Amino acid sequence: MRGISETISTVIISSVIIMVSIMIFYIATYSLTTTMQVSEYGYMKSSMINIASSIPEIIKGTSISISVPKGSVGVGYSIQNNIVYEVDVLTSSGWKNIIVDDSPSAIVIRSYNVVVTSNRIIYGINNLTVNDIAFIPTIWEYYKDGASIINFNTSRFYIHIYKVTNGTYTEIYIRIYYLQLRPKYISGPRTIMFVPGGKVIEDQINNIEGLVIREINSVTGKTIRSYEPSKLFSLGYKVNLLLSVDRLYVVMT
């Protein structure tokens, strides 16, 4: 009987050891997987911030690409079909409405295994207008529908206002620049390529009498946000508009 008891004890101990070993294995595997997922998400976040800070070079014609990890990170895009960005210009002939973007898009990076607890901007500012080209992109980080999301968009206007004086004659120039983001899917290795797409609009309108930049809900027709430099038109100077719109293709494979 003693021999049988020792055998049973040995079996029980062996079973416990095996179970503990299996648990340790699964815990270690889960920990390793979680670490890898967090690392991949952090890599994509850093990469998108680097892209955003490189926008001035991209605008000048430089193409930039980043690789996408083959793990848990998903890459896609969203299009706001109900949002329109336009520049309204008043001349002696009346108002002219120039649509600069009727399908503003964003690059969306998603991870279901990393939890982000706050909604925050990790690059740029959430304004309709900016005074630095480097802040045309904005990157949001937030949690939605069970996933942590990185949202990269360029839906804002760069504005530069300056005077040109020739003797006693002075003119004011308002330079407005907008960068359209246009995502595309093609087959290939997992990469995201940012490729300049050239000019969409290049226009100069002289002697304008009013200017309004709008973000509009195209369904209701209501203005969501607007910018109007009305004080410029009360200074007694001739005011000219320089409007430039470029396109940036984001090719995802």
C-alpha atoms as a PDB file:
ATOM      1  CA  MET A   1       0.000   0.000   0.000  1.00  0.00           C
ATOM      2  CA  ARG A   2       2.863   2.303   0.820  1.00  0.00           C
ATOM      3  CA  GLY A   3       4.309   1.776  -2.651  1.00  0.00           C
ATOM      4  CA  ILE A   4       0.957   2.580  -4.237  1.00  0.00           C
ATOM      5  CA  SER A   5       0.629   5.750  -2.132  1.00  0.00           C
ATOM      6  CA  GLU A   6       4.095   6.886  -3.158  1.00  0.00           C
ATOM      7  CA  THR A   7       3.216   6.240  -6.798  1.00  0.00           C
ATOM      8  CA  ILE A   8      -0.020   8.226  -6.503  1.00  0.00           C
ATOM      9  CA  SER A   9       1.845  11.048  -4.754  1.00  0.00           C
ATOM     10  CA  THR A  10       4.437  11.080  -7.519  1.00  0.00           C
ATOM     11  CA  VAL A  11       1.718  11.235 -10.174  1.00  0.00           C
ATOM     12  CA  ILE A  12      -0.045  14.076  -8.369  1.00  0.00           C
ATOM     13  CA  ILE A  13       3.169  16.031  -7.902  1.00  0.00           C
ATOM     14  CA  SER A  14       4.113  15.456 -11.539  1.00  0.00           C
ATOM     15  CA  SER A  15       0.667  16.605 -12.658  1.00  0.00           C
ATOM     16  CA  VAL A  16       0.929  19.741 -10.538  1.00  0.00           C
ATOM     17  CA  ILE A  17       4.383  20.476 -11.939  1.00  0.00           C
ATOM     18  CA  ILE A  18       3.091  20.000 -15.485  1.00  0.00           C
ATOM     19  CA  MET A  19       0.078  22.244 -14.853  1.00  0.00           C
ATOM     20  CA  VAL A  20       2.249  24.945 -13.292  1.00  0.00           C
ATOM     21  CA  SER A  21       4.683  24.690 -16.210  1.00  0.00           C
ATOM     22  CA  ILE A  22       1.829  25.052 -18.695  1.00  0.00           C
ATOM     23  CA  MET A  23       0.480  28.078 -16.820  1.00  0.00           C
ATOM     24  CA  ILE A  24       3.921  29.681 -16.738  1.00  0.00           C
ATOM     25  CA  PHE A  25       4.297  28.998 -20.467  1.00  0.00           C
ATOM     26  CA  TYR A  26       0.970  30.615 -21.305  1.00  0.00           C
ATOM     27  CA  ILE A  27       1.636  33.592 -19.039  1.00  0.00           C
ATOM     28  CA  ALA A  28       5.063  34.080 -20.594  1.00  0.00           C
ATOM     29  CA  THR A  29       3.615  33.757 -24.104  1.00  0.00           C
ATOM     30  CA  TYR A  30       0.824  36.230 -23.321  1.00  0.00           C
ATOM     31  CA  SER A  31       3.294  38.664 -21.781  1.00  0.00           C
ATOM     32  CA  LEU A  32       5.581  38.397 -24.811  1.00  0.00           C
ATOM     33  CA  THR A  33       2.655  38.901 -27.205  1.00  0.00           C
ATOM     34  CA  THR A  34       1.394  41.912 -25.264  1.00  0.00           C
ATOM     35  CA  THR A  35       4.866  43.435 -25.186  1.00  0.00           C
ATOM     36  CA  MET A  36       5.182  42.949 -28.946  1.00  0.00           C
ATOM     37  CA  GLN A  37       1.768  44.534 -29.595  1.00  0.00           C
ATOM     38  CA  VAL A  38       2.559  47.542 -27.417  1.00  0.00           C
ATOM     39  CA  SER A  39       5.909  47.879 -29.185  1.00  0.00           C
ATOM     40  CA  GLU A  40       4.281  47.751 -32.637  1.00  0.00           C
ATOM     41  CA  TYR A  41       1.706  50.368 -31.672  1.00  0.00           C
ATOM     42  CA  GLY A  42       4.412  52.619 -30.237  1.00  0.00           C
ATOM     43  CA  TYR A  43       6.483  52.214 -33.404  1.00  0.00           C
ATOM     44  CA  MET A  44       3.556  53.267 -35.609  1.00  0.00           C
ATOM     45  CA  LYS A  45       2.816  56.247 -33.382  1.00  0.00           C
ATOM     46  CA  SER A  46       6.429  57.431 -33.521  1.00  0.00           C
ATOM     47  CA  SER A  47       6.560  56.851 -37.289  1.00  0.00           C
ATOM     48  CA  MET A  48       3.446  58.943 -37.927  1.00  0.00           C
ATOM     49  CA  ILE A  49       4.797  61.756 -35.758  1.00  0.00           C
ATOM     50  CA  ASN A  50       8.013  61.675 -37.806  1.00  0.00           C
ATOM     51  CA  ILE A  51       5.954  61.848 -41.011  1.00  0.00           C
ATOM     52  CA  ALA A  52       3.987  64.813 -39.670  1.00  0.00           C
ATOM     53  CA  SER A  53       7.159  66.698 -38.793  1.00  0.00           C
ATOM     54  CA  SER A  54       8.467  65.978 -42.322  1.00  0.00           C
ATOM     55  CA  ILE A  55       5.479  67.584 -44.088  1.00  0.00           C
ATOM     56  CA  PRO A  56       7.502  70.688 -45.143  1.00  0.00           C
ATOM     57  CA  GLU A  57       9.932  68.402 -47.017  1.00  0.00           C
ATOM     58  CA  ILE A  58       7.092  66.315 -48.487  1.00  0.00           C
ATOM     59  CA  ILE A  59       5.412  69.477 -49.786  1.00  0.00           C
ATOM     60  CA  LYS A  60       8.651  70.359 -51.571  1.00  0.00           C
ATOM     61  CA  GLY A  61       8.549  67.018 -53.427  1.00  0.00           C
ATOM     62  CA  THR A  62      10.126  64.437 -51.127  1.00  0.00           C
ATOM     63  CA  SER A  63       8.458  61.006 -50.926  1.00  0.00           C
ATOM     64  CA  ILE A  64       8.668  59.160 -47.614  1.00  0.00           C
ATOM     65  CA  SER A  65       7.665  55.608 -46.720  1.00  0.00           C
ATOM     66  CA  ILE A  66       7.428  53.596 -43.517  1.00  0.00           C
ATOM     67  CA  SER A  67       7.089  49.865 -42.992  1.00  0.00           C
ATOM     68  CA  VAL A  68       4.093  48.410 -41.173  1.00  0.00           C
ATOM     69  CA  PRO A  69       4.612  45.535 -38.688  1.00  0.00           C
ATOM     70  CA  LYS A  70       2.952  42.257 -39.680  1.00  0.00           C
ATOM     71  CA  GLY A  71       1.474  41.738 -36.232  1.00  0.00           C
ATOM     72  CA  SER A  72      -1.619  43.236 -34.632  1.00  0.00           C
ATOM     73  CA  VAL A  73      -1.616  46.751 -36.111  1.00  0.00           C
ATOM     74  CA  GLY A  74      -4.162  47.502 -38.827  1.00  0.00           C
ATOM     75  CA  VAL A  75      -3.853  50.389 -41.291  1.00  0.00           C
ATOM     76  CA  GLY A  76      -6.721  52.002 -43.181  1.00  0.00           C
ATOM     77  CA  TYR A  77      -8.399  55.330 -43.824  1.00  0.00           C
ATOM     78  CA  SER A  78     -11.610  57.273 -43.305  1.00  0.00           C
ATOM     79  CA  ILE A  79     -13.361  59.823 -45.538  1.00  0.00           C
ATOM     80  CA  GLN A  80     -15.662  62.559 -44.224  1.00  0.00           C
ATOM     81  CA  ASN A  81     -18.164  62.739 -47.065  1.00  0.00           C
ATOM     82  CA  ASN A  82     -20.325  65.263 -45.219  1.00  0.00           C
ATOM     83  CA  ILE A  83     -17.566  67.844 -44.672  1.00  0.00           C
ATOM     84  CA  VAL A  84     -16.434  70.496 -47.154  1.00  0.00           C
ATOM     85  CA  TYR A  85     -13.625  73.027 -46.838  1.00  0.00           C
ATOM     86  CA  GLU A  86     -13.944  76.169 -48.917  1.00  0.00           C
ATOM     87  CA  VAL A  87     -12.537  79.652 -49.378  1.00  0.00           C
ATOM     88  CA  ASP A  88     -15.102  82.388 -50.037  1.00  0.00           C
ATOM     89  CA  VAL A  89     -13.721  85.507 -51.729  1.00  0.00           C
ATOM     90  CA  LEU A  90     -15.512  88.817 -52.192  1.00  0.00           C
ATOM     91  CA  THR A  91     -14.564  90.897 -55.245  1.00  0.00           C
ATOM     92  CA  SER A  92     -16.255  93.745 -57.092  1.00  0.00           C
ATOM     93  CA  SER A  93     -18.214  91.060 -58.986  1.00  0.00           C
ATOM     94  CA  GLY A  94     -19.573  89.472 -55.805  1.00  0.00           C
ATOM     95  CA  TRP A  95     -18.749  86.387 -53.772  1.00  0.00           C
ATOM     96  CA  LYS A  96     -16.778  83.521 -55.287  1.00  0.00           C
ATOM     97  CA  ASN A  97     -16.889  80.158 -53.490  1.00  0.00           C
ATOM     98  CA  ILE A  98     -13.817  77.988 -54.021  1.00  0.00           C
ATOM     99  CA  ILE A  99     -14.076  74.403 -52.763  1.00  0.00           C
ATOM    100  CA  VAL A 100     -10.630  73.164 -51.793  1.00  0.00           C
ATOM    101  CA  ASP A 101     -11.637  69.763 -50.367  1.00  0.00           C
ATOM    102  CA  ASP A 102     -14.981  67.969 -50.616  1.00  0.00           C
ATOM    103  CA  SER A 103     -13.798  64.608 -49.277  1.00  0.00           C
ATOM    104  CA  PRO A 104     -11.306  65.235 -46.449  1.00  0.00           C
ATOM    105  CA  SER A 105      -9.562  62.012 -45.505  1.00  0.00           C
ATOM    106  CA  ALA A 106      -7.519  60.654 -42.627  1.00  0.00           C
ATOM    107  CA  ILE A 107      -5.124  57.757 -42.184  1.00  0.00           C
ATOM    108  CA  VAL A 108      -6.346  55.461 -39.410  1.00  0.00           C
ATOM    109  CA  ILE A 109      -4.102  53.044 -37.511  1.00  0.00           C
ATOM    110  CA  ARG A 110      -5.893  50.626 -35.225  1.00  0.00           C
ATOM    111  CA  SER A 111      -4.890  48.155 -32.517  1.00  0.00           C
ATOM    112  CA  TYR A 112      -7.364  46.041 -30.553  1.00  0.00           C
ATOM    113  CA  ASN A 113      -4.755  44.869 -28.067  1.00  0.00           C
ATOM    114  CA  VAL A 114      -3.445  48.192 -26.734  1.00  0.00           C
ATOM    115  CA  VAL A 115      -5.653  50.295 -24.476  1.00  0.00           C
ATOM    116  CA  VAL A 116      -5.483  54.089 -24.729  1.00  0.00           C
ATOM    117  CA  THR A 117      -7.369  55.727 -21.868  1.00  0.00           C
ATOM    118  CA  SER A 118      -7.455  59.325 -23.105  1.00  0.00           C
ATOM    119  CA  ASN A 119      -8.474  61.284 -26.181  1.00  0.00           C
ATOM    120  CA  ARG A 120      -5.579  63.581 -27.009  1.00  0.00           C
ATOM    121  CA  ILE A 121      -3.608  65.285 -29.737  1.00  0.00           C
ATOM    122  CA  ILE A 122      -0.102  63.866 -29.992  1.00  0.00           C
ATOM    123  CA  TYR A 123       1.001  66.187 -32.822  1.00  0.00           C
ATOM    124  CA  GLY A 124      -0.227  69.554 -34.063  1.00  0.00           C
ATOM    125  CA  ILE A 125      -3.259  71.603 -33.042  1.00  0.00           C
ATOM    126  CA  ASN A 126      -6.977  71.259 -33.699  1.00  0.00           C
ATOM    127  CA  ASN A 127      -7.464  74.646 -35.369  1.00  0.00           C
ATOM    128  CA  LEU A 128      -9.001  75.503 -38.723  1.00  0.00           C
ATOM    129  CA  THR A 129      -5.987  77.686 -39.527  1.00  0.00           C
ATOM    130  CA  VAL A 130      -2.303  77.519 -38.593  1.00  0.00           C
ATOM    131  CA  ASN A 131       0.619  79.909 -39.056  1.00  0.00           C
ATOM    132  CA  ASP A 132       3.259  77.208 -39.503  1.00  0.00           C
ATOM    133  CA  ILE A 133       3.331  74.676 -42.362  1.00  0.00           C
ATOM    134  CA  ALA A 134       4.688  72.071 -39.941  1.00  0.00           C
ATOM    135  CA  PHE A 135       1.318  72.137 -38.148  1.00  0.00           C
ATOM    136  CA  ILE A 136      -0.815  71.350 -41.197  1.00  0.00           C
ATOM    137  CA  PRO A 137      -0.977  67.713 -39.998  1.00  0.00           C
ATOM    138  CA  THR A 138      -2.698  66.796 -36.764  1.00  0.00           C
ATOM    139  CA  ILE A 139      -2.490  63.387 -35.105  1.00  0.00           C
ATOM    140  CA  TRP A 140      -5.163  62.251 -32.663  1.00  0.00           C
ATOM    141  CA  GLU A 141      -4.946  59.271 -30.350  1.00  0.00           C
ATOM    142  CA  TYR A 142      -8.150  57.881 -28.860  1.00  0.00           C
ATOM    143  CA  TYR A 143     -10.052  54.730 -27.885  1.00  0.00           C
ATOM    144  CA  LYS A 144     -13.185  53.743 -29.803  1.00  0.00           C
ATOM    145  CA  ASP A 145     -15.166  50.539 -30.430  1.00  0.00           C
ATOM    146  CA  GLY A 146     -12.697  48.394 -28.518  1.00  0.00           C
ATOM    147  CA  ALA A 147      -9.610  49.670 -30.324  1.00  0.00           C
ATOM    148  CA  SER A 148      -6.860  52.208 -29.777  1.00  0.00           C
ATOM    149  CA  ILE A 149      -6.697  54.515 -32.791  1.00  0.00           C
ATOM    150  CA  ILE A 150      -4.148  56.880 -34.308  1.00  0.00           C
ATOM    151  CA  ASN A 151      -5.760  59.391 -36.693  1.00  0.00           C
ATOM    152  CA  PHE A 152      -3.552  61.393 -39.089  1.00  0.00           C
ATOM    153  CA  ASN A 153      -5.159  64.209 -41.104  1.00  0.00           C
ATOM    154  CA  THR A 154      -4.247  67.476 -42.866  1.00  0.00           C
ATOM    155  CA  SER A 155      -7.630  69.243 -42.782  1.00  0.00           C
ATOM    156  CA  ARG A 156      -6.537  72.790 -41.969  1.00  0.00           C
ATOM    157  CA  PHE A 157      -5.295  75.923 -43.721  1.00  0.00           C
ATOM    158  CA  TYR A 158      -1.854  77.484 -43.503  1.00  0.00           C
ATOM    159  CA  ILE A 159      -2.154  81.277 -43.635  1.00  0.00           C
ATOM    160  CA  HIS A 160       0.615  83.817 -44.092  1.00  0.00           C
ATOM    161  CA  ILE A 161      -0.226  87.533 -44.242  1.00  0.00           C
ATOM    162  CA  TYR A 162       2.394  90.073 -45.281  1.00  0.00           C
ATOM    163  CA  LYS A 163       2.793  93.564 -46.738  1.00  0.00           C
ATOM    164  CA  VAL A 164       4.662  94.612 -49.864  1.00  0.00           C
ATOM    165  CA  THR A 165       5.654  98.283 -50.060  1.00  0.00           C
ATOM    166  CA  ASN A 166       6.864 100.074 -53.179  1.00  0.00           C
ATOM    167  CA  GLY A 167       7.732 103.609 -52.236  1.00  0.00           C
ATOM    168  CA  THR A 168       4.614 105.009 -50.625  1.00  0.00           C
ATOM    169  CA  TYR A 169       2.307 102.330 -52.039  1.00  0.00           C
ATOM    170  CA  THR A 170       1.524  99.286 -49.888  1.00  0.00           C
ATOM    171  CA  GLU A 171      -0.370  96.088 -50.694  1.00  0.00           C
ATOM    172  CA  ILE A 172      -1.390  93.253 -48.397  1.00  0.00           C
ATOM    173  CA  TYR A 173      -1.026  89.660 -49.522  1.00  0.00           C
ATOM    174  CA  ILE A 174      -2.877  86.765 -47.937  1.00  0.00           C
ATOM    175  CA  ARG A 175      -1.276  83.449 -48.772  1.00  0.00           C
ATOM    176  CA  ILE A 176      -3.512  80.427 -48.125  1.00  0.00           C
ATOM    177  CA  TYR A 177      -2.243  76.876 -48.491  1.00  0.00           C
ATOM    178  CA  TYR A 178      -4.203  73.619 -48.130  1.00  0.00           C
ATOM    179  CA  LEU A 179      -2.969  70.033 -48.476  1.00  0.00           C
ATOM    180  CA  GLN A 180      -5.477  67.433 -49.693  1.00  0.00           C
ATOM    181  CA  LEU A 181      -4.896  63.943 -48.293  1.00  0.00           C
ATOM    182  CA  ARG A 182      -5.858  61.168 -50.722  1.00  0.00           C
ATOM    183  CA  PRO A 183      -5.420  57.523 -49.608  1.00  0.00           C
ATOM    184  CA  LYS A 184      -4.921  54.674 -52.068  1.00  0.00           C
ATOM    185  CA  TYR A 185      -4.625  50.893 -51.700  1.00  0.00           C
ATOM    186  CA  ILE A 186      -2.341  48.770 -53.890  1.00  0.00           C
ATOM    187  CA  SER A 187      -0.901  45.277 -53.493  1.00  0.00           C
ATOM    188  CA  GLY A 188       2.602  44.864 -52.143  1.00  0.00           C
ATOM    189  CA  PRO A 189       4.609  44.657 -48.914  1.00  0.00           C
ATOM    190  CA  ARG A 190       3.112  46.291 -45.828  1.00  0.00           C
ATOM    191  CA  THR A 191       4.198  49.896 -46.220  1.00  0.00           C
ATOM    192  CA  ILE A 192       2.716  53.382 -46.113  1.00  0.00           C
ATOM    193  CA  MET A 193       4.091  55.744 -48.752  1.00  0.00           C
ATOM    194  CA  PHE A 194       3.545  59.510 -48.714  1.00  0.00           C
ATOM    195  CA  VAL A 195       3.849  60.733 -52.300  1.00  0.00           C
ATOM    196  CA  PRO A 196       3.379  64.367 -53.443  1.00  0.00           C
ATOM    197  CA  GLY A 197       0.574  64.570 -56.019  1.00  0.00           C
ATOM    198  CA  GLY A 198       1.136  68.042 -57.434  1.00  0.00           C
ATOM    199  CA  LYS A 199      -0.980  71.170 -57.655  1.00  0.00           C
ATOM    200  CA  VAL A 200      -4.767  71.081 -57.560  1.00  0.00           C
ATOM    201  CA  ILE A 201      -5.346  74.833 -57.360  1.00  0.00           C
ATOM    202  CA  GLU A 202      -2.929  77.710 -57.965  1.00  0.00           C
ATOM    203  CA  ASP A 203      -4.760  81.024 -58.110  1.00  0.00           C
ATOM    204  CA  GLN A 204      -4.151  84.705 -57.486  1.00  0.00           C
ATOM    205  CA  ILE A 205      -7.104  87.034 -56.996  1.00  0.00           C
ATOM    206  CA  ASN A 206      -6.224  90.703 -56.721  1.00  0.00           C
ATOM    207  CA  ASN A 207      -8.043  93.517 -54.984  1.00  0.00           C
ATOM    208  CA  ILE A 208     -10.367  91.370 -52.891  1.00  0.00           C
ATOM    209  CA  GLU A 209     -12.872  93.010 -50.566  1.00  0.00           C
ATOM    210  CA  GLY A 210     -13.603  90.144 -48.192  1.00  0.00           C
ATOM    211  CA  LEU A 211     -12.482  86.637 -47.289  1.00  0.00           C
ATOM    212  CA  VAL A 212     -13.966  83.780 -45.278  1.00  0.00           C
ATOM    213  CA  ILE A 213     -12.536  80.287 -44.789  1.00  0.00           C
ATOM    214  CA  ARG A 214     -15.155  77.719 -43.830  1.00  0.00           C
ATOM    215  CA  GLU A 215     -15.547  74.168 -42.637  1.00  0.00           C
ATOM    216  CA  ILE A 216     -19.087  73.232 -43.681  1.00  0.00           C
ATOM    217  CA  ASN A 217     -21.467  70.373 -43.020  1.00  0.00           C
ATOM    218  CA  SER A 218     -22.536  69.622 -46.586  1.00  0.00           C
ATOM    219  CA  VAL A 219     -25.721  67.859 -45.428  1.00  0.00           C
ATOM    220  CA  THR A 220     -27.133  70.742 -43.390  1.00  0.00           C
ATOM    221  CA  GLY A 221     -25.226  73.540 -45.113  1.00  0.00           C
ATOM    222  CA  LYS A 222     -24.224  74.946 -41.737  1.00  0.00           C
ATOM    223  CA  THR A 223     -20.772  76.361 -41.036  1.00  0.00           C
ATOM    224  CA  ILE A 224     -18.937  74.360 -38.385  1.00  0.00           C
ATOM    225  CA  ARG A 225     -15.907  76.626 -38.086  1.00  0.00           C
ATOM    226  CA  SER A 226     -14.783  79.746 -39.907  1.00  0.00           C
ATOM    227  CA  TYR A 227     -11.943  82.240 -40.141  1.00  0.00           C
ATOM    228  CA  GLU A 228     -12.399  85.824 -41.351  1.00  0.00           C
ATOM    229  CA  PRO A 229      -9.568  88.406 -41.303  1.00  0.00           C
ATOM    230  CA  SER A 230     -12.041  91.292 -41.543  1.00  0.00           C
ATOM    231  CA  LYS A 231      -9.704  93.894 -40.000  1.00  0.00           C
ATOM    232  CA  LEU A 232      -7.367  93.674 -43.004  1.00  0.00           C
ATOM    233  CA  PHE A 233     -10.000  95.231 -45.238  1.00  0.00           C
ATOM    234  CA  SER A 234     -10.390  98.343 -43.096  1.00  0.00           C
ATOM    235  CA  LEU A 235      -6.739  99.449 -43.318  1.00  0.00           C
ATOM    236  CA  GLY A 236      -7.087 101.190 -46.679  1.00  0.00           C
ATOM    237  CA  TYR A 237      -4.646  98.930 -48.542  1.00  0.00           C
ATOM    238  CA  LYS A 238      -5.225  96.822 -51.628  1.00  0.00           C
ATOM    239  CA  VAL A 239      -5.587  93.192 -50.546  1.00  0.00           C
ATOM    240  CA  ASN A 240      -4.584  90.265 -52.780  1.00  0.00           C
ATOM    241  CA  LEU A 241      -5.145  86.544 -52.313  1.00  0.00           C
ATOM    242  CA  LEU A 242      -2.669  83.800 -53.198  1.00  0.00           C
ATOM    243  CA  LEU A 243      -4.433  80.427 -52.973  1.00  0.00           C
ATOM    244  CA  SER A 244      -2.544  77.165 -53.361  1.00  0.00           C
ATOM    245  CA  VAL A 245      -3.868  73.626 -52.922  1.00  0.00           C
ATOM    246  CA  ASP A 246      -1.624  70.571 -53.224  1.00  0.00           C
ATOM    247  CA  ARG A 247      -2.479  66.887 -53.159  1.00  0.00           C
ATOM    248  CA  LEU A 248      -0.702  64.267 -51.067  1.00  0.00           C
ATOM    249  CA  TYR A 249      -1.236  60.625 -51.951  1.00  0.00           C
ATOM    250  CA  VAL A 250      -0.907  58.128 -49.128  1.00  0.00           C
ATOM    251  CA  VAL A 251      -0.353  54.724 -50.701  1.00  0.00           C
ATOM    252  CA  MET A 252      -1.026  51.790 -48.377  1.00  0.00           C
ATOM    253  CA  THR A 253      -0.004  48.268 -49.322  1.00  0.00           C
END
